[in-house]
Amino acid sequence: MFVGVLLHAILAEAITRAPGLMVANANYVKKVIFPIDILPATLVGAAGFHALIATAILLVSVVALGGALHWTVLWLPLLVLPLLAMSLGLAWLLAALGVFLRDIAQVTGVLASILMFLAPVFYPVSALPDGLEALIYLNPLTYVIEQARGVIFAGVSPELGGLAVFYAVSLAITQFGYWTFQKSRRGFSDVL
């Protein structure tokens, strides 16, 4: 469960805090020389740092409780990297939307909760009926949670085809989020 909560926290922190980011830092937005596109990046960087500390605690706990760390744990950074990229893209997108649609912050909080309960945070995918297994993989957290559990606890390397798809989707979301942020940033100082 800790693995699921840890990975969900990365995405949840990005999508719940990003909508109010530009409004909270309006003094930076109005300065012409400040690169405001780094504000969402610092938000995701902080979430990544929290996840790094939590991962260290998890790995120490596995060893302290008598478990063995498999060499496959080295895959973990390659699994978390696209999740961080996706979180960054969503943070850019939601930060831009949050300037113009102030109530989006209430929606993202509910969305983060929905993502947690529709991801295998509290249960493995194998516990679901066959018809629901395909549906749960529509949640972007499902793949990374299941693969992270495999590399940490079972010593199984991640499925490379799924990892390639996860990277491609994450990069597309990141590019779309950055593009949206850059297109809408001209109007930020007028609205704020």
C-alpha atoms as a PDB file:
ATOM      1  CA  MET A   1       0.000   0.000   0.000  1.00  0.00           C
ATOM      2  CA  PHE A   2       2.868   2.363   0.818  1.00  0.00           C
ATOM      3  CA  VAL A   3       4.143   2.172  -2.771  1.00  0.00           C
ATOM      4  CA  GLY A   4       0.727   3.170  -4.122  1.00  0.00           C
ATOM      5  CA  VAL A   5       0.315   6.036  -1.676  1.00  0.00           C
ATOM      6  CA  LEU A   6       3.845   7.264  -2.395  1.00  0.00           C
ATOM      7  CA  LEU A   7       3.352   7.363  -6.167  1.00  0.00           C
ATOM      8  CA  HIS A   8      -0.146   8.813  -5.906  1.00  0.00           C
ATOM      9  CA  ALA A   9       1.220  11.601  -3.703  1.00  0.00           C
ATOM     10  CA  ILE A  10       3.507  12.819  -6.493  1.00  0.00           C
ATOM     11  CA  LEU A  11       0.653  13.305  -8.934  1.00  0.00           C
ATOM     12  CA  ALA A  12      -1.811  14.493  -6.286  1.00  0.00           C
ATOM     13  CA  GLU A  13       0.515  17.195  -4.985  1.00  0.00           C
ATOM     14  CA  ALA A  14       1.078  18.512  -8.494  1.00  0.00           C
ATOM     15  CA  ILE A  15      -2.567  18.616  -9.538  1.00  0.00           C
ATOM     16  CA  THR A  16      -3.949  19.982  -6.263  1.00  0.00           C
ATOM     17  CA  ARG A  17      -1.413  22.764  -5.747  1.00  0.00           C
ATOM     18  CA  ALA A  18      -0.881  23.864  -9.358  1.00  0.00           C
ATOM     19  CA  PRO A  19      -4.203  25.697  -9.941  1.00  0.00           C
ATOM     20  CA  GLY A  20      -3.424  28.289  -7.263  1.00  0.00           C
ATOM     21  CA  LEU A  21       0.261  28.602  -8.059  1.00  0.00           C
ATOM     22  CA  MET A  22       0.149  31.656 -10.337  1.00  0.00           C
ATOM     23  CA  VAL A  23      -2.397  33.446  -8.149  1.00  0.00           C
ATOM     24  CA  ALA A  24      -0.298  32.824  -5.028  1.00  0.00           C
ATOM     25  CA  ASN A  25       2.810  34.134  -6.804  1.00  0.00           C
ATOM     26  CA  ALA A  26       1.220  37.072  -8.614  1.00  0.00           C
ATOM     27  CA  ASN A  27       4.160  39.325  -7.762  1.00  0.00           C
ATOM     28  CA  TYR A  28       6.476  37.017  -9.764  1.00  0.00           C
ATOM     29  CA  VAL A  29       4.011  36.736 -12.631  1.00  0.00           C
ATOM     30  CA  LYS A  30       3.872  40.508 -13.078  1.00  0.00           C
ATOM     31  CA  LYS A  31       7.665  40.826 -13.247  1.00  0.00           C
ATOM     32  CA  VAL A  32       8.807  40.675 -16.839  1.00  0.00           C
ATOM     33  CA  ILE A  33      12.215  39.140 -16.137  1.00  0.00           C
ATOM     34  CA  PHE A  34      11.109  36.253 -13.901  1.00  0.00           C
ATOM     35  CA  PRO A  35      10.726  32.903 -15.704  1.00  0.00           C
ATOM     36  CA  ILE A  36       7.328  31.883 -14.326  1.00  0.00           C
ATOM     37  CA  ASP A  37       7.389  28.525 -16.069  1.00  0.00           C
ATOM     38  CA  ILE A  38       9.776  27.276 -13.370  1.00  0.00           C
ATOM     39  CA  LEU A  39       7.139  27.707 -10.657  1.00  0.00           C
ATOM     40  CA  PRO A  40       5.301  24.473 -11.594  1.00  0.00           C
ATOM     41  CA  ALA A  41       8.687  22.783 -12.019  1.00  0.00           C
ATOM     42  CA  THR A  42       9.637  23.651  -8.436  1.00  0.00           C
ATOM     43  CA  LEU A  43       6.298  22.270  -7.280  1.00  0.00           C
ATOM     44  CA  VAL A  44       6.944  18.941  -9.012  1.00  0.00           C
ATOM     45  CA  GLY A  45      10.550  18.982  -7.837  1.00  0.00           C
ATOM     46  CA  ALA A  46       9.362  19.283  -4.240  1.00  0.00           C
ATOM     47  CA  ALA A  47       6.939  16.392  -4.773  1.00  0.00           C
ATOM     48  CA  GLY A  48       9.788  14.353  -6.254  1.00  0.00           C
ATOM     49  CA  PHE A  49      12.008  15.144  -3.271  1.00  0.00           C
ATOM     50  CA  HIS A  50       9.274  14.047  -0.859  1.00  0.00           C
ATOM     51  CA  ALA A  51       8.913  10.830  -2.862  1.00  0.00           C
ATOM     52  CA  LEU A  52      12.674  10.271  -2.739  1.00  0.00           C
ATOM     53  CA  ILE A  53      12.677  10.529   1.057  1.00  0.00           C
ATOM     54  CA  ALA A  54       9.630   8.248   1.303  1.00  0.00           C
ATOM     55  CA  THR A  55      11.286   5.724  -1.041  1.00  0.00           C
ATOM     56  CA  ALA A  56      14.399   5.685   1.125  1.00  0.00           C
ATOM     57  CA  ILE A  57      12.218   5.015   4.181  1.00  0.00           C
ATOM     58  CA  LEU A  58      10.407   2.250   2.282  1.00  0.00           C
ATOM     59  CA  LEU A  59      13.628   0.535   1.207  1.00  0.00           C
ATOM     60  CA  VAL A  60      15.134   0.744   4.693  1.00  0.00           C
ATOM     61  CA  SER A  61      11.895  -0.691   6.095  1.00  0.00           C
ATOM     62  CA  VAL A  62      11.971  -3.594   3.635  1.00  0.00           C
ATOM     63  CA  VAL A  63      15.493  -4.485   4.752  1.00  0.00           C
ATOM     64  CA  ALA A  64      14.754  -3.888   8.460  1.00  0.00           C
ATOM     65  CA  LEU A  65      11.721  -6.183   8.330  1.00  0.00           C
ATOM     66  CA  GLY A  66      13.797  -9.024   6.947  1.00  0.00           C
ATOM     67  CA  GLY A  67      13.095  -8.597   3.247  1.00  0.00           C
ATOM     68  CA  ALA A  68      15.706  -8.579   0.562  1.00  0.00           C
ATOM     69  CA  LEU A  69      16.258  -5.846  -1.965  1.00  0.00           C
ATOM     70  CA  HIS A  70      16.408  -7.204  -5.477  1.00  0.00           C
ATOM     71  CA  TRP A  71      18.646  -5.716  -8.168  1.00  0.00           C
ATOM     72  CA  THR A  72      15.442  -4.753 -10.006  1.00  0.00           C
ATOM     73  CA  VAL A  73      14.957  -1.885  -7.551  1.00  0.00           C
ATOM     74  CA  LEU A  74      17.362  -0.035  -9.852  1.00  0.00           C
ATOM     75  CA  TRP A  75      14.446   0.213 -12.328  1.00  0.00           C
ATOM     76  CA  LEU A  76      12.517   2.395  -9.884  1.00  0.00           C
ATOM     77  CA  PRO A  77      13.922   5.772 -11.033  1.00  0.00           C
ATOM     78  CA  LEU A  78      13.081   4.869 -14.641  1.00  0.00           C
ATOM     79  CA  LEU A  79       9.501   4.138 -13.562  1.00  0.00           C
ATOM     80  CA  VAL A  80       9.099   7.343 -11.567  1.00  0.00           C
ATOM     81  CA  LEU A  81      10.674   9.646 -14.178  1.00  0.00           C
ATOM     82  CA  PRO A  82       7.705   9.583 -16.599  1.00  0.00           C
ATOM     83  CA  LEU A  83       5.328  10.076 -13.660  1.00  0.00           C
ATOM     84  CA  LEU A  84       7.264  13.208 -12.725  1.00  0.00           C
ATOM     85  CA  ALA A  85       7.156  14.389 -16.351  1.00  0.00           C
ATOM     86  CA  MET A  86       3.402  13.782 -16.515  1.00  0.00           C
ATOM     87  CA  SER A  87       2.954  15.624 -13.221  1.00  0.00           C
ATOM     88  CA  LEU A  88       4.944  18.550 -14.594  1.00  0.00           C
ATOM     89  CA  GLY A  89       2.811  18.711 -17.729  1.00  0.00           C
ATOM     90  CA  LEU A  90      -0.376  18.612 -15.685  1.00  0.00           C
ATOM     91  CA  ALA A  91       1.028  21.239 -13.314  1.00  0.00           C
ATOM     92  CA  TRP A  92       1.745  23.596 -16.234  1.00  0.00           C
ATOM     93  CA  LEU A  93      -1.717  22.978 -17.661  1.00  0.00           C
ATOM     94  CA  LEU A  94      -3.543  23.437 -14.352  1.00  0.00           C
ATOM     95  CA  ALA A  95      -1.449  26.468 -13.366  1.00  0.00           C
ATOM     96  CA  ALA A  96      -2.493  28.154 -16.609  1.00  0.00           C
ATOM     97  CA  LEU A  97      -6.137  27.164 -16.184  1.00  0.00           C
ATOM     98  CA  GLY A  98      -6.094  28.225 -12.525  1.00  0.00           C
ATOM     99  CA  VAL A  99      -5.440  31.835 -13.504  1.00  0.00           C
ATOM    100  CA  PHE A 100      -8.584  32.031 -15.608  1.00  0.00           C
ATOM    101  CA  LEU A 101     -10.790  29.483 -13.808  1.00  0.00           C
ATOM    102  CA  ARG A 102     -10.215  30.019 -10.095  1.00  0.00           C
ATOM    103  CA  ASP A 103     -12.627  27.289  -8.984  1.00  0.00           C
ATOM    104  CA  ILE A 104     -10.638  24.559 -10.703  1.00  0.00           C
ATOM    105  CA  ALA A 105      -8.738  23.992  -7.443  1.00  0.00           C
ATOM    106  CA  GLN A 106     -11.856  22.464  -5.879  1.00  0.00           C
ATOM    107  CA  VAL A 107     -12.240  20.100  -8.827  1.00  0.00           C
ATOM    108  CA  THR A 108      -8.618  18.944  -8.745  1.00  0.00           C
ATOM    109  CA  GLY A 109      -8.857  17.990  -5.077  1.00  0.00           C
ATOM    110  CA  VAL A 110     -11.776  15.699  -5.848  1.00  0.00           C
ATOM    111  CA  LEU A 111      -9.981  14.404  -8.954  1.00  0.00           C
ATOM    112  CA  ALA A 112      -6.938  13.473  -6.864  1.00  0.00           C
ATOM    113  CA  SER A 113      -9.139  11.454  -4.519  1.00  0.00           C
ATOM    114  CA  ILE A 114     -10.875   9.738  -7.432  1.00  0.00           C
ATOM    115  CA  LEU A 115      -7.516   8.849  -8.988  1.00  0.00           C
ATOM    116  CA  MET A 116      -6.429   7.262  -5.721  1.00  0.00           C
ATOM    117  CA  PHE A 117      -9.484   5.047  -5.378  1.00  0.00           C
ATOM    118  CA  LEU A 118      -9.493   4.096  -9.062  1.00  0.00           C
ATOM    119  CA  ALA A 119      -5.835   3.083  -8.926  1.00  0.00           C
ATOM    120  CA  PRO A 120      -4.511  -0.072  -7.282  1.00  0.00           C
ATOM    121  CA  VAL A 121      -3.294   1.783  -4.213  1.00  0.00           C
ATOM    122  CA  PHE A 122      -5.115  -0.363  -1.658  1.00  0.00           C
ATOM    123  CA  TYR A 123      -5.418  -3.536  -3.735  1.00  0.00           C
ATOM    124  CA  PRO A 124      -3.503  -5.302  -6.513  1.00  0.00           C
ATOM    125  CA  VAL A 125      -4.878  -5.336 -10.057  1.00  0.00           C
ATOM    126  CA  SER A 126      -5.026  -9.133  -9.870  1.00  0.00           C
ATOM    127  CA  ALA A 127      -7.799  -8.834  -7.243  1.00  0.00           C
ATOM    128  CA  LEU A 128     -10.162  -7.278  -9.802  1.00  0.00           C
ATOM    129  CA  PRO A 129     -12.515  -9.207 -12.085  1.00  0.00           C
ATOM    130  CA  ASP A 130     -11.183  -9.777 -15.604  1.00  0.00           C
ATOM    131  CA  GLY A 131     -13.458  -7.169 -17.190  1.00  0.00           C
ATOM    132  CA  LEU A 132     -12.223  -4.401 -14.893  1.00  0.00           C
ATOM    133  CA  GLU A 133      -8.502  -5.071 -15.290  1.00  0.00           C
ATOM    134  CA  ALA A 134      -8.409  -3.379 -18.694  1.00  0.00           C
ATOM    135  CA  LEU A 135     -10.422  -0.400 -17.432  1.00  0.00           C
ATOM    136  CA  ILE A 136      -8.197   0.275 -14.448  1.00  0.00           C
ATOM    137  CA  TYR A 137      -5.205   0.703 -16.750  1.00  0.00           C
ATOM    138  CA  LEU A 138      -6.852   3.870 -18.091  1.00  0.00           C
ATOM    139  CA  ASN A 139      -5.735   5.465 -14.827  1.00  0.00           C
ATOM    140  CA  PRO A 140      -2.178   6.733 -15.404  1.00  0.00           C
ATOM    141  CA  LEU A 141      -1.136   5.635 -11.911  1.00  0.00           C
ATOM    142  CA  THR A 142      -2.022   1.974 -12.380  1.00  0.00           C
ATOM    143  CA  TYR A 143       0.915   0.994 -14.573  1.00  0.00           C
ATOM    144  CA  VAL A 144       3.561   2.704 -12.493  1.00  0.00           C
ATOM    145  CA  ILE A 145       2.171   1.404  -9.169  1.00  0.00           C
ATOM    146  CA  GLU A 146       1.981  -2.198 -10.355  1.00  0.00           C
ATOM    147  CA  GLN A 147       5.431  -2.097 -11.935  1.00  0.00           C
ATOM    148  CA  ALA A 148       6.987  -0.417  -8.881  1.00  0.00           C
ATOM    149  CA  ARG A 149       5.580  -3.126  -6.623  1.00  0.00           C
ATOM    150  CA  GLY A 150       7.064  -5.720  -8.933  1.00  0.00           C
ATOM    151  CA  VAL A 151      10.562  -4.240  -8.983  1.00  0.00           C
ATOM    152  CA  ILE A 152      10.668  -3.608  -5.223  1.00  0.00           C
ATOM    153  CA  PHE A 153       9.020  -6.689  -3.769  1.00  0.00           C
ATOM    154  CA  ALA A 154       8.962  -9.414  -6.428  1.00  0.00           C
ATOM    155  CA  GLY A 155      12.283  -8.749  -8.154  1.00  0.00           C
ATOM    156  CA  VAL A 156      10.576  -8.581 -11.543  1.00  0.00           C
ATOM    157  CA  SER A 157      11.785  -6.246 -14.279  1.00  0.00           C
ATOM    158  CA  PRO A 158       9.120  -3.919 -15.679  1.00  0.00           C
ATOM    159  CA  GLU A 159       7.339  -4.711 -18.913  1.00  0.00           C
ATOM    160  CA  LEU A 160       9.312  -2.700 -21.473  1.00  0.00           C
ATOM    161  CA  GLY A 161       6.455  -2.308 -23.965  1.00  0.00           C
ATOM    162  CA  GLY A 162       4.223  -0.796 -21.294  1.00  0.00           C
ATOM    163  CA  LEU A 163       7.090   1.375 -20.096  1.00  0.00           C
ATOM    164  CA  ALA A 164       7.606   2.741 -23.611  1.00  0.00           C
ATOM    165  CA  VAL A 165       3.906   3.573 -23.895  1.00  0.00           C
ATOM    166  CA  PHE A 166       3.984   5.210 -20.453  1.00  0.00           C
ATOM    167  CA  TYR A 167       6.968   7.340 -21.511  1.00  0.00           C
ATOM    168  CA  ALA A 168       5.252   8.359 -24.756  1.00  0.00           C
ATOM    169  CA  VAL A 169       1.999   9.341 -23.040  1.00  0.00           C
ATOM    170  CA  SER A 170       3.879  11.201 -20.302  1.00  0.00           C
ATOM    171  CA  LEU A 171       5.947  13.169 -22.801  1.00  0.00           C
ATOM    172  CA  ALA A 172       2.837  14.050 -24.820  1.00  0.00           C
ATOM    173  CA  ILE A 173       1.095  15.336 -21.675  1.00  0.00           C
ATOM    174  CA  THR A 174       4.218  17.280 -20.699  1.00  0.00           C
ATOM    175  CA  GLN A 175       4.492  18.922 -24.115  1.00  0.00           C
ATOM    176  CA  PHE A 176       0.786  19.764 -24.229  1.00  0.00           C
ATOM    177  CA  GLY A 177       0.905  21.239 -20.709  1.00  0.00           C
ATOM    178  CA  TYR A 178       3.958  23.357 -21.527  1.00  0.00           C
ATOM    179  CA  TRP A 179       2.465  24.500 -24.825  1.00  0.00           C
ATOM    180  CA  THR A 180      -0.787  25.512 -23.101  1.00  0.00           C
ATOM    181  CA  PHE A 181       1.133  27.344 -20.378  1.00  0.00           C
ATOM    182  CA  GLN A 182       3.237  29.262 -22.906  1.00  0.00           C
ATOM    183  CA  LYS A 183       0.212  30.209 -25.026  1.00  0.00           C
ATOM    184  CA  SER A 184      -1.799  31.507 -22.089  1.00  0.00           C
ATOM    185  CA  ARG A 185       0.947  33.205 -20.056  1.00  0.00           C
ATOM    186  CA  ARG A 186       0.553  36.477 -21.953  1.00  0.00           C
ATOM    187  CA  GLY A 187      -2.810  37.018 -20.298  1.00  0.00           C
ATOM    188  CA  PHE A 188      -1.732  36.157 -16.755  1.00  0.00           C
ATOM    189  CA  SER A 189      -0.777  39.685 -15.649  1.00  0.00           C
ATOM    190  CA  ASP A 190      -4.014  41.131 -17.071  1.00  0.00           C
ATOM    191  CA  VAL A 191      -6.159  38.721 -15.073  1.00  0.00           C
ATOM    192  CA  LEU A 192      -4.086  38.888 -11.890  1.00  0.00           C
END
